[in-house]
Amino acid sequence: MTIKVEVEVYGELAELDEFKKGTRSMVLSEHSTLEDLLDELNLKYKLNFYTFIINGQKENLRENLKDGDKVKIIPVLGGG
C-alpha cells in the first residue's frame, strides 16, 4: 500500500526543478517517516538546516506520514 503527501519547500529548495510549481505530490510506502521522505528527496544530508512541519505542527524525523499529509520544509535562519 502507498500514501500520497504534498511537499512544499521554501528558500533555496524552491529553486529546484521538481518544485518549480510550488508543491510536489509524492507517493511513498505506507509506513514511511519524515526521514524516509527526506531521503527520497536527497535532503537527508541537510537535516540540521531545515525545520519540518506536518499539517501545521513541527515534527521530528521519526514521525510517520499519513495519506494526505501536507509537509513543509523551511530553512532555519541564522545570523550574527
Protein backbone atom coordinates (compact mmCIF):
# COMPACT_ATOMS: atom_id res chain seq x y z
CA MET A 1 0.00 0.00 0.00
CA THR A 2 1.10 3.59 -0.57
CA ILE A 3 0.35 7.07 0.70
CA LYS A 4 0.41 10.41 -1.09
CA VAL A 5 1.76 13.53 0.59
CA GLU A 6 2.07 17.12 -0.58
CA VAL A 7 5.51 18.69 -0.11
CA GLU A 8 6.11 22.43 -0.12
CA VAL A 9 9.59 23.89 0.17
CA TYR A 10 11.00 27.34 0.87
CA GLY A 11 14.32 29.10 0.40
CA GLU A 12 16.93 27.58 -1.89
CA LEU A 13 14.95 24.36 -2.29
CA ALA A 14 12.19 26.28 -4.09
CA GLU A 15 14.65 26.79 -6.94
CA LEU A 16 14.89 23.05 -7.66
CA ASP A 17 13.19 21.95 -10.89
CA GLU A 18 10.89 19.47 -9.14
CA PHE A 19 9.46 22.30 -7.00
CA LYS A 20 9.05 24.98 -9.67
CA LYS A 21 5.26 24.66 -9.39
CA GLY A 22 5.35 25.38 -5.65
CA THR A 23 4.36 22.00 -4.25
CA ARG A 24 5.09 18.45 -5.23
CA SER A 25 2.97 15.36 -4.68
CA MET A 26 4.94 12.32 -3.61
CA VAL A 27 3.91 8.70 -3.32
CA LEU A 28 5.61 6.75 -0.52
CA SER A 29 5.20 3.38 1.10
CA GLU A 30 2.50 3.19 3.78
CA HIS A 31 4.73 3.30 6.86
CA SER A 32 7.13 5.99 5.65
CA THR A 33 8.54 8.53 8.07
CA LEU A 34 9.56 12.12 7.53
CA GLU A 35 13.15 10.86 7.38
CA ASP A 36 12.20 8.48 4.54
CA LEU A 37 10.68 11.40 2.65
CA LEU A 38 13.86 13.45 3.05
CA ASP A 39 15.92 10.51 1.87
CA GLU A 40 13.71 10.24 -1.20
CA LEU A 41 14.33 13.97 -1.87
CA ASN A 42 18.10 13.57 -1.31
CA LEU A 43 17.94 16.03 1.61
CA LYS A 44 18.98 13.72 4.42
CA TYR A 45 22.46 15.26 4.49
CA LYS A 46 20.97 18.72 5.24
CA LEU A 47 18.81 17.80 8.23
CA ASN A 48 20.27 20.44 10.55
CA PHE A 49 19.48 23.26 8.13
CA TYR A 50 15.71 22.86 7.98
CA THR A 51 12.58 22.81 10.12
CA PHE A 52 9.91 20.28 9.19
CA ILE A 53 6.21 20.99 9.55
CA ILE A 54 3.49 18.37 9.02
CA ASN A 55 -0.08 19.66 8.91
CA GLY A 56 0.92 22.83 10.76
CA GLN A 57 2.89 21.11 13.55
CA LYS A 58 6.67 20.98 13.94
CA GLU A 59 7.63 17.30 13.87
CA ASN A 60 10.64 15.07 14.37
CA LEU A 61 12.22 12.89 11.71
CA ARG A 62 10.70 9.67 13.02
CA GLU A 63 7.16 10.95 12.60
CA ASN A 64 5.08 8.58 10.48
CA LEU A 65 3.45 10.19 7.49
CA LYS A 66 -0.19 9.58 6.61
CA ASP A 67 -2.07 9.78 3.35
CA GLY A 68 -2.94 13.40 2.59
CA ASP A 69 -0.34 14.95 4.91
CA LYS A 70 0.98 18.38 3.98
CA VAL A 71 4.71 18.69 4.63
CA LYS A 72 6.61 21.99 4.65
CA ILE A 73 10.39 22.13 4.59
CA ILE A 74 11.58 25.51 5.86
CA PRO A 75 15.20 26.67 6.10
CA VAL A 76 16.47 27.60 9.56
CA LEU A 77 17.59 31.22 9.56
CA GLY A 78 20.74 32.22 11.33
CA GLY A 79 22.68 35.37 11.72
CA GLY A 80 25.20 37.11 13.71
